[in-house]
């Protein structure tokens, strides 16, 4: 277990001494994927978001329903998680 200072980018789960209170495998995986993607894009924020947009468009073309989280002022809407793309029929 690594110690993280309270000012670290991902501080959730740290106490005042900076010691991790618990591990979260899902968040750790997300952080690793984001870091790897940023590294592959040379940490160029415009390239990172361009690739994300292109990937989203590809998923739409494959039939996946892509939803947006909306804005903070919008009421929360119920969303359905789909395991497979919808049929285009």
PDB file of N, CA and C in Angstrom:
ATOM      1  N   UNK A   1       0.843  -1.166   0.000  1.00  0.00           N
ATOM      2  CA  UNK A   1       0.000   0.000   0.000  1.00  0.00           C
ATOM      3  C   UNK A   1       0.894   1.236   0.000  1.00  0.00           C
ATOM      4  N   UNK A   2       0.622   2.161  -0.928  1.00  0.00           N
ATOM      5  CA  UNK A   2       1.416   3.377  -1.035  1.00  0.00           C
ATOM      6  C   UNK A   2       0.804   4.486  -0.190  1.00  0.00           C
ATOM      7  N   UNK A   3       1.651   5.282   0.394  1.00  0.00           N
ATOM      8  CA  UNK A   3       1.172   6.465   1.106  1.00  0.00           C
ATOM      9  C   UNK A   3       0.939   7.578   0.106  1.00  0.00           C
ATOM     10  N   UNK A   4      -0.165   8.291   0.252  1.00  0.00           N
ATOM     11  CA  UNK A   4      -0.481   9.421  -0.625  1.00  0.00           C
ATOM     12  C   UNK A   4      -0.732  10.634   0.245  1.00  0.00           C
ATOM     13  N   UNK A   5      -0.120  11.709  -0.119  1.00  0.00           N
ATOM     14  CA  UNK A   5      -0.321  12.943   0.623  1.00  0.00           C
ATOM     15  C   UNK A   5      -1.701  13.505   0.325  1.00  0.00           C
ATOM     16  N   UNK A   6      -2.299  14.222   1.269  1.00  0.00           N
ATOM     17  CA  UNK A   6      -3.635  14.772   1.035  1.00  0.00           C
ATOM     18  C   UNK A   6      -3.734  15.658  -0.207  1.00  0.00           C
ATOM     19  N   UNK A   7      -2.647  16.228  -0.694  1.00  0.00           N
ATOM     20  CA  UNK A   7      -2.683  17.046  -1.893  1.00  0.00           C
ATOM     21  C   UNK A   7      -2.549  16.258  -3.185  1.00  0.00           C
ATOM     22  N   UNK A   8      -2.442  14.932  -3.104  1.00  0.00           N
ATOM     23  CA  UNK A   8      -2.287  14.069  -4.269  1.00  0.00           C
ATOM     24  C   UNK A   8      -3.531  14.152  -5.143  1.00  0.00           C
ATOM     25  N   UNK A   9      -3.364  13.919  -6.450  1.00  0.00           N
ATOM     26  CA  UNK A   9      -4.464  14.002  -7.399  1.00  0.00           C
ATOM     27  C   UNK A   9      -5.627  13.100  -7.000  1.00  0.00           C
ATOM     28  N   UNK A  10      -5.347  11.888  -6.527  1.00  0.00           N
ATOM     29  CA  UNK A  10      -6.392  10.942  -6.139  1.00  0.00           C
ATOM     30  C   UNK A  10      -6.295  10.704  -4.637  1.00  0.00           C
ATOM     31  N   UNK A  11      -6.817  11.620  -3.849  1.00  0.00           N
ATOM     32  CA  UNK A  11      -6.645  11.537  -2.401  1.00  0.00           C
ATOM     33  C   UNK A  11      -7.753  10.783  -1.690  1.00  0.00           C
ATOM     34  N   UNK A  12      -8.820  10.432  -2.379  1.00  0.00           N
ATOM     35  CA  UNK A  12      -9.933   9.804  -1.677  1.00  0.00           C
ATOM     36  C   UNK A  12      -9.436   8.603  -0.874  1.00  0.00           C
ATOM     37  N   UNK A  13      -9.923   8.507   0.342  1.00  0.00           N
ATOM     38  CA  UNK A  13      -9.540   7.392   1.187  1.00  0.00           C
ATOM     39  C   UNK A  13      -8.272   7.605   1.972  1.00  0.00           C
ATOM     40  N   UNK A  14      -7.772   8.840   2.064  1.00  0.00           N
ATOM     41  CA  UNK A  14      -6.578   9.084   2.852  1.00  0.00           C
ATOM     42  C   UNK A  14      -6.968   9.741   4.164  1.00  0.00           C
ATOM     43  N   UNK A  15      -6.206   9.447   5.206  1.00  0.00           N
ATOM     44  CA  UNK A  15      -6.424  10.151   6.470  1.00  0.00           C
ATOM     45  C   UNK A  15      -5.455  11.324   6.539  1.00  0.00           C
ATOM     46  N   UNK A  16      -5.398  12.007   7.679  1.00  0.00           N
ATOM     47  CA  UNK A  16      -4.552  13.195   7.798  1.00  0.00           C
ATOM     48  C   UNK A  16      -3.071  12.889   7.559  1.00  0.00           C
ATOM     49  N   UNK A  17      -2.650  11.672   7.855  1.00  0.00           N
ATOM     50  CA  UNK A  17      -1.244  11.320   7.674  1.00  0.00           C
ATOM     51  C   UNK A  17      -0.927  10.942   6.230  1.00  0.00           C
ATOM     52  N   UNK A  18      -1.949  10.831   5.380  1.00  0.00           N
ATOM     53  CA  UNK A  18      -1.731  10.478   3.986  1.00  0.00           C
ATOM     54  C   UNK A  18      -1.737   8.988   3.721  1.00  0.00           C
ATOM     55  N   UNK A  19      -2.067   8.169   4.722  1.00  0.00           N
ATOM     56  CA  UNK A  19      -2.091   6.715   4.559  1.00  0.00           C
ATOM     57  C   UNK A  19      -3.427   6.306   3.955  1.00  0.00           C
ATOM     58  N   UNK A  20      -3.365   5.437   2.964  1.00  0.00           N
ATOM     59  CA  UNK A  20      -4.594   4.958   2.331  1.00  0.00           C
ATOM     60  C   UNK A  20      -5.435   4.202   3.348  1.00  0.00           C
ATOM     61  N   UNK A  21      -6.706   4.558   3.416  1.00  0.00           N
ATOM     62  CA  UNK A  21      -7.625   3.915   4.346  1.00  0.00           C
ATOM     63  C   UNK A  21      -8.131   2.585   3.769  1.00  0.00           C
ATOM     64  N   UNK A  22      -8.310   2.529   2.462  1.00  0.00           N
ATOM     65  CA  UNK A  22      -8.786   1.322   1.799  1.00  0.00           C
ATOM     66  C   UNK A  22      -8.369   1.384   0.331  1.00  0.00           C
ATOM     67  N   UNK A  23      -8.340   0.246  -0.296  1.00  0.00           N
ATOM     68  CA  UNK A  23      -8.021   0.166  -1.722  1.00  0.00           C
ATOM     69  C   UNK A  23      -9.320   0.018  -2.500  1.00  0.00           C
ATOM     70  N   UNK A  24      -9.382   0.571  -3.683  1.00  0.00           N
ATOM     71  CA  UNK A  24     -10.542   0.446  -4.542  1.00  0.00           C
ATOM     72  C   UNK A  24     -10.040   0.014  -5.912  1.00  0.00           C
ATOM     73  N   UNK A  25     -10.210  -1.267  -6.213  1.00  0.00           N
ATOM     74  CA  UNK A  25      -9.687  -1.830  -7.455  1.00  0.00           C
ATOM     75  C   UNK A  25     -10.284  -1.176  -8.699  1.00  0.00           C
ATOM     76  N   UNK A  26     -11.549  -0.819  -8.638  1.00  0.00           N
ATOM     77  CA  UNK A  26     -12.193  -0.212  -9.807  1.00  0.00           C
ATOM     78  C   UNK A  26     -11.602   1.161 -10.080  1.00  0.00           C
ATOM     79  N   UNK A  27     -11.506   1.995  -9.038  1.00  0.00           N
ATOM     80  CA  UNK A  27     -10.915   3.325  -9.240  1.00  0.00           C
ATOM     81  C   UNK A  27      -9.453   3.230  -9.638  1.00  0.00           C
ATOM     82  N   UNK A  28      -8.716   2.299  -9.049  1.00  0.00           N
ATOM     83  CA  UNK A  28      -7.318   2.117  -9.440  1.00  0.00           C
ATOM     84  C   UNK A  28      -7.204   1.758 -10.917  1.00  0.00           C
ATOM     85  N   UNK A  29      -8.113   0.905 -11.398  1.00  0.00           N
ATOM     86  CA  UNK A  29      -8.106   0.516 -12.805  1.00  0.00           C
ATOM     87  C   UNK A  29      -8.416   1.709 -13.705  1.00  0.00           C
ATOM     88  N   UNK A  30      -9.399   2.522 -13.314  1.00  0.00           N
ATOM     89  CA  UNK A  30      -9.737   3.718 -14.095  1.00  0.00           C
ATOM     90  C   UNK A  30      -8.547   4.666 -14.146  1.00  0.00           C
ATOM     91  N   UNK A  31      -7.901   4.876 -13.015  1.00  0.00           N
ATOM     92  CA  UNK A  31      -6.742   5.777 -12.968  1.00  0.00           C
ATOM     93  C   UNK A  31      -5.605   5.267 -13.841  1.00  0.00           C
ATOM     94  N   UNK A  32      -5.368   3.947 -13.831  1.00  0.00           N
ATOM     95  CA  UNK A  32      -4.312   3.372 -14.685  1.00  0.00           C
ATOM     96  C   UNK A  32      -4.639   3.563 -16.158  1.00  0.00           C
ATOM     97  N   UNK A  33      -5.908   3.312 -16.540  1.00  0.00           N
ATOM     98  CA  UNK A  33      -6.312   3.467 -17.942  1.00  0.00           C
ATOM     99  C   UNK A  33      -6.171   4.918 -18.395  1.00  0.00           C
ATOM    100  N   UNK A  34      -6.599   5.856 -17.554  1.00  0.00           N
ATOM    101  CA  UNK A  34      -6.483   7.271 -17.895  1.00  0.00           C
ATOM    102  C   UNK A  34      -5.018   7.677 -18.047  1.00  0.00           C
ATOM    103  N   UNK A  35      -4.195   7.220 -17.131  1.00  0.00           N
ATOM    104  CA  UNK A  35      -2.771   7.561 -17.191  1.00  0.00           C
ATOM    105  C   UNK A  35      -2.127   6.980 -18.447  1.00  0.00           C
ATOM    106  N   UNK A  36      -2.482   5.741 -18.789  1.00  0.00           N
ATOM    107  CA  UNK A  36      -1.919   5.109 -19.983  1.00  0.00           C
ATOM    108  C   UNK A  36      -2.369   5.848 -21.243  1.00  0.00           C
ATOM    109  N   UNK A  37      -3.659   6.216 -21.299  1.00  0.00           N
ATOM    110  CA  UNK A  37      -4.169   6.939 -22.462  1.00  0.00           C
ATOM    111  C   UNK A  37      -3.477   8.294 -22.593  1.00  0.00           C
ATOM    112  N   UNK A  38      -3.314   9.002 -21.481  1.00  0.00           N
ATOM    113  CA  UNK A  38      -2.631  10.297 -21.509  1.00  0.00           C
ATOM    114  C   UNK A  38      -1.200  10.135 -21.993  1.00  0.00           C
ATOM    115  N   UNK A  39      -0.521   9.103 -21.516  1.00  0.00           N
ATOM    116  CA  UNK A  39       0.873   8.843 -21.921  1.00  0.00           C
ATOM    117  C   UNK A  39       0.932   8.576 -23.429  1.00  0.00           C
ATOM    118  N   UNK A  40      -0.012   7.742 -23.939  1.00  0.00           N
ATOM    119  CA  UNK A  40      -0.038   7.422 -25.372  1.00  0.00           C
ATOM    120  C   UNK A  40      -0.289   8.666 -26.230  1.00  0.00           C
ATOM    121  N   UNK A  41      -1.010   9.633 -25.670  1.00  0.00           N
ATOM    122  CA  UNK A  41      -1.324  10.869 -26.408  1.00  0.00           C
ATOM    123  C   UNK A  41      -0.302  11.965 -26.138  1.00  0.00           C
ATOM    124  N   UNK A  42       0.779  11.643 -25.465  1.00  0.00           N
ATOM    125  CA  UNK A  42       1.804  12.631 -25.170  1.00  0.00           C
ATOM    126  C   UNK A  42       1.303  13.723 -24.241  1.00  0.00           C
ATOM    127  N   UNK A  43       0.300  13.401 -23.421  1.00  0.00           N
ATOM    128  CA  UNK A  43      -0.293  14.345 -22.465  1.00  0.00           C
ATOM    129  C   UNK A  43      -0.884  15.572 -23.148  1.00  0.00           C
ATOM    130  N   UNK A  44      -1.242  15.422 -24.431  1.00  0.00           N
ATOM    131  CA  UNK A  44      -1.866  16.504 -25.202  1.00  0.00           C
ATOM    132  C   UNK A  44      -3.377  16.424 -24.982  1.00  0.00           C
ATOM    133  N   UNK A  45      -3.930  17.371 -24.209  1.00  0.00           N
ATOM    134  CA  UNK A  45      -5.343  17.319 -23.838  1.00  0.00           C
ATOM    135  C   UNK A  45      -6.263  17.347 -25.048  1.00  0.00           C
ATOM    136  N   UNK A  46      -5.887  18.080 -26.099  1.00  0.00           N
ATOM    137  CA  UNK A  46      -6.719  18.143 -27.303  1.00  0.00           C
ATOM    138  C   UNK A  46      -6.759  16.781 -27.992  1.00  0.00           C
ATOM    139  N   UNK A  47      -5.637  16.113 -28.057  1.00  0.00           N
ATOM    140  CA  UNK A  47      -5.580  14.776 -28.665  1.00  0.00           C
ATOM    141  C   UNK A  47      -6.355  13.772 -27.830  1.00  0.00           C
ATOM    142  N   UNK A  48      -6.220  13.855 -26.503  1.00  0.00           N
ATOM    143  CA  UNK A  48      -6.937  12.933 -25.615  1.00  0.00           C
ATOM    144  C   UNK A  48      -8.438  13.033 -25.871  1.00  0.00           C
ATOM    145  N   UNK A  49      -8.990  14.252 -25.854  1.00  0.00           N
ATOM    146  CA  UNK A  49     -10.430  14.410 -26.039  1.00  0.00           C
ATOM    147  C   UNK A  49     -10.865  14.100 -27.468  1.00  0.00           C
ATOM    148  N   UNK A  50     -10.012  14.384 -28.453  1.00  0.00           N
ATOM    149  CA  UNK A  50     -10.343  14.015 -29.839  1.00  0.00           C
ATOM    150  C   UNK A  50     -10.501  12.504 -29.949  1.00  0.00           C
ATOM    151  N   UNK A  51      -9.583  11.754 -29.341  1.00  0.00           N
ATOM    152  CA  UNK A  51      -9.673  10.295 -29.385  1.00  0.00           C
ATOM    153  C   UNK A  51     -10.899   9.781 -28.641  1.00  0.00           C
ATOM    154  N   UNK A  52     -11.248  10.431 -27.538  1.00  0.00           N
ATOM    155  CA  UNK A  52     -12.451  10.035 -26.804  1.00  0.00           C
ATOM    156  C   UNK A  52     -13.690  10.263 -27.675  1.00  0.00           C
ATOM    157  N   UNK A  53     -13.763  11.444 -28.324  1.00  0.00           N
ATOM    158  CA  UNK A  53     -14.908  11.731 -29.205  1.00  0.00           C
ATOM    159  C   UNK A  53     -14.977  10.732 -30.358  1.00  0.00           C
ATOM    160  N   UNK A  54     -13.833  10.425 -30.966  1.00  0.00           N
ATOM    161  CA  UNK A  54     -13.809   9.457 -32.073  1.00  0.00           C
ATOM    162  C   UNK A  54     -14.263   8.079 -31.601  1.00  0.00           C
ATOM    163  N   UNK A  55     -13.820   7.690 -30.432  1.00  0.00           N
ATOM    164  CA  UNK A  55     -14.242   6.393 -29.876  1.00  0.00           C
ATOM    165  C   UNK A  55     -15.732   6.355 -29.595  1.00  0.00           C
ATOM    166  N   UNK A  56     -16.263   7.476 -29.115  1.00  0.00           N
ATOM    167  CA  UNK A  56     -17.704   7.559 -28.849  1.00  0.00           C
ATOM    168  C   UNK A  56     -18.492   7.446 -30.143  1.00  0.00           C
ATOM    169  N   UNK A  57     -18.045   8.133 -31.179  1.00  0.00           N
ATOM    170  CA  UNK A  57     -18.725   8.052 -32.479  1.00  0.00           C
ATOM    171  C   UNK A  57     -18.674   6.634 -33.029  1.00  0.00           C
ATOM    172  N   UNK A  58     -17.553   5.950 -32.852  1.00  0.00           N
ATOM    173  CA  UNK A  58     -17.429   4.563 -33.324  1.00  0.00           C
ATOM    174  C   UNK A  58     -18.437   3.666 -32.606  1.00  0.00           C
ATOM    175  N   UNK A  59     -18.582   3.859 -31.292  1.00  0.00           N
ATOM    176  CA  UNK A  59     -19.555   3.067 -30.529  1.00  0.00           C
ATOM    177  C   UNK A  59     -20.976   3.325 -31.012  1.00  0.00           C
ATOM    178  N   UNK A  60     -21.288   4.594 -31.315  1.00  0.00           N
ATOM    179  CA  UNK A  60     -22.620   4.923 -31.832  1.00  0.00           C
ATOM    180  C   UNK A  60     -22.882   4.202 -33.152  1.00  0.00           C
ATOM    181  N   UNK A  61     -21.877   4.201 -34.045  1.00  0.00           N
ATOM    182  CA  UNK A  61     -22.026   3.533 -35.340  1.00  0.00           C
ATOM    183  C   UNK A  61     -22.209   2.025 -35.180  1.00  0.00           C
ATOM    184  N   UNK A  62     -21.650   1.460 -34.104  1.00  0.00           N
ATOM    185  CA  UNK A  62     -21.795   0.027 -33.834  1.00  0.00           C
ATOM    186  C   UNK A  62     -23.143  -0.295 -33.192  1.00  0.00           C
ATOM    187  N   UNK A  63     -23.931   0.737 -32.879  1.00  0.00           N
ATOM    188  CA  UNK A  63     -25.252   0.501 -32.320  1.00  0.00           C
ATOM    189  C   UNK A  63     -25.374   0.704 -30.824  1.00  0.00           C
ATOM    190  N   UNK A  64     -24.306   1.120 -30.175  1.00  0.00           N
ATOM    191  CA  UNK A  64     -24.364   1.361 -28.741  1.00  0.00           C
ATOM    192  C   UNK A  64     -25.123   2.651 -28.462  1.00  0.00           C
ATOM    193  N   UNK A  65     -25.873   2.657 -27.366  1.00  0.00           N
ATOM    194  CA  UNK A  65     -26.543   3.877 -26.935  1.00  0.00           C
ATOM    195  C   UNK A  65     -25.574   4.627 -26.039  1.00  0.00           C
ATOM    196  N   UNK A  66     -25.213   5.819 -26.435  1.00  0.00           N
ATOM    197  CA  UNK A  66     -24.271   6.634 -25.666  1.00  0.00           C
ATOM    198  C   UNK A  66     -25.077   7.722 -24.976  1.00  0.00           C
ATOM    199  N   UNK A  67     -24.969   7.786 -23.651  1.00  0.00           N
ATOM    200  CA  UNK A  67     -25.721   8.775 -22.883  1.00  0.00           C
ATOM    201  C   UNK A  67     -24.766   9.780 -22.268  1.00  0.00           C
ATOM    202  N   UNK A  68     -25.280  10.947 -22.000  1.00  0.00           N
ATOM    203  CA  UNK A  68     -24.495  11.993 -21.376  1.00  0.00           C
ATOM    204  C   UNK A  68     -24.947  12.148 -19.933  1.00  0.00           C
ATOM    205  N   UNK A  69     -24.025  12.535 -19.083  1.00  0.00           N
ATOM    206  CA  UNK A  69     -24.368  12.769 -17.686  1.00  0.00           C
ATOM    207  C   UNK A  69     -25.197  14.034 -17.541  1.00  0.00           C
ATOM    208  N   UNK A  70     -25.234  14.868 -18.552  1.00  0.00           N
ATOM    209  CA  UNK A  70     -26.008  16.098 -18.491  1.00  0.00           C
ATOM    210  C   UNK A  70     -25.271  17.191 -17.752  1.00  0.00           C
ATOM    211  N   UNK A  71     -25.985  18.218 -17.425  1.00  0.00           N
ATOM    212  CA  UNK A  71     -25.395  19.330 -16.690  1.00  0.00           C
ATOM    213  C   UNK A  71     -25.880  19.287 -15.253  1.00  0.00           C
ATOM    214  N   UNK A  72     -25.195  19.944 -14.338  1.00  0.00           N
ATOM    215  CA  UNK A  72     -25.615  19.921 -12.931  1.00  0.00           C
ATOM    216  C   UNK A  72     -27.024  20.467 -12.704  1.00  0.00           C
ATOM    217  N   UNK A  73     -27.526  21.314 -13.588  1.00  0.00           N
ATOM    218  CA  UNK A  73     -28.856  21.894 -13.411  1.00  0.00           C
ATOM    219  C   UNK A  73     -29.977  20.984 -13.899  1.00  0.00           C
ATOM    220  N   UNK A  74     -29.645  19.946 -14.651  1.00  0.00           N
ATOM    221  CA  UNK A  74     -30.660  19.035 -15.153  1.00  0.00           C
ATOM    222  C   UNK A  74     -31.036  18.026 -14.078  1.00  0.00           C
ATOM    223  N   UNK A  75     -32.297  17.643 -14.068  1.00  0.00           N
ATOM    224  CA  UNK A  75     -32.739  16.596 -13.141  1.00  0.00           C
ATOM    225  C   UNK A  75     -32.140  15.269 -13.585  1.00  0.00           C
ATOM    226  N   UNK A  76     -31.831  14.422 -12.648  1.00  0.00           N
ATOM    227  CA  UNK A  76     -31.262  13.111 -12.960  1.00  0.00           C
ATOM    228  C   UNK A  76     -32.303  12.285 -13.712  1.00  0.00           C
ATOM    229  N   UNK A  77     -31.893  11.707 -14.819  1.00  0.00           N
ATOM    230  CA  UNK A  77     -32.783  10.869 -15.619  1.00  0.00           C
ATOM    231  C   UNK A  77     -32.377   9.417 -15.455  1.00  0.00           C
ATOM    232  N   UNK A  78     -33.323   8.503 -15.488  1.00  0.00           N
ATOM    233  CA  UNK A  78     -32.962   7.087 -15.375  1.00  0.00           C
ATOM    234  C   UNK A  78     -32.274   6.612 -16.662  1.00  0.00           C
ATOM    235  N   UNK A  79     -31.196   5.896 -16.514  1.00  0.00           N
ATOM    236  CA  UNK A  79     -30.463   5.365 -17.661  1.00  0.00           C
ATOM    237  C   UNK A  79     -30.428   3.849 -17.565  1.00  0.00           C
ATOM    238  N   UNK A  80     -30.342   3.220 -18.720  1.00  0.00           N
ATOM    239  CA  UNK A  80     -30.277   1.772 -18.782  1.00  0.00           C
ATOM    240  C   UNK A  80     -28.887   1.370 -19.210  1.00  0.00           C
ATOM    241  N   UNK A  81     -28.265   0.470 -18.469  1.00  0.00           N
ATOM    242  CA  UNK A  81     -26.967  -0.068 -18.828  1.00  0.00           C
ATOM    243  C   UNK A  81     -27.200  -1.250 -19.750  1.00  0.00           C
ATOM    244  N   UNK A  82     -26.581  -1.220 -20.899  1.00  0.00           N
ATOM    245  CA  UNK A  82     -26.751  -2.302 -21.871  1.00  0.00           C
ATOM    246  C   UNK A  82     -25.463  -3.086 -22.000  1.00  0.00           C
ATOM    247  N   UNK A  83     -25.598  -4.418 -22.018  1.00  0.00           N
ATOM    248  CA  UNK A  83     -24.437  -5.281 -22.167  1.00  0.00           C
ATOM    249  C   UNK A  83     -24.028  -5.404 -23.628  1.00  0.00           C
ATOM    250  N   UNK A  84     -24.980  -5.246 -24.534  1.00  0.00           N
ATOM    251  CA  UNK A  84     -24.708  -5.415 -25.952  1.00  0.00           C
ATOM    252  C   UNK A  84     -25.328  -4.262 -26.720  1.00  0.00           C
ATOM    253  N   UNK A  85     -24.807  -3.973 -27.928  1.00  0.00           N
ATOM    254  CA  UNK A  85     -25.415  -2.895 -28.713  1.00  0.00           C
ATOM    255  C   UNK A  85     -26.844  -3.270 -29.120  1.00  0.00           C
ATOM    256  N   UNK A  86     -27.677  -2.247 -29.271  1.00  0.00           N
ATOM    257  CA  UNK A  86     -29.048  -2.478 -29.728  1.00  0.00           C
ATOM    258  C   UNK A  86     -29.044  -2.870 -31.191  1.00  0.00           C
ATOM    259  N   UNK A  87     -30.032  -3.666 -31.590  1.00  0.00           N
ATOM    260  CA  UNK A  87     -30.212  -3.975 -33.015  1.00  0.00           C
ATOM    261  C   UNK A  87     -30.669  -2.721 -33.719  1.00  0.00           C
ATOM    262  N   UNK A  88     -30.170  -2.512 -34.949  1.00  0.00           N
ATOM    263  CA  UNK A  88     -30.553  -1.319 -35.707  1.00  0.00           C
ATOM    264  C   UNK A  88     -31.869  -1.538 -36.447  1.00  0.00           C
ATOM    265  N   UNK A  89     -32.504  -2.681 -36.267  1.00  0.00           N
ATOM    266  CA  UNK A  89     -33.771  -2.980 -36.986  1.00  0.00           C
ATOM    267  C   UNK A  89     -34.898  -2.175 -36.481  1.00  0.00           C
TER     268      UNK A  89
END
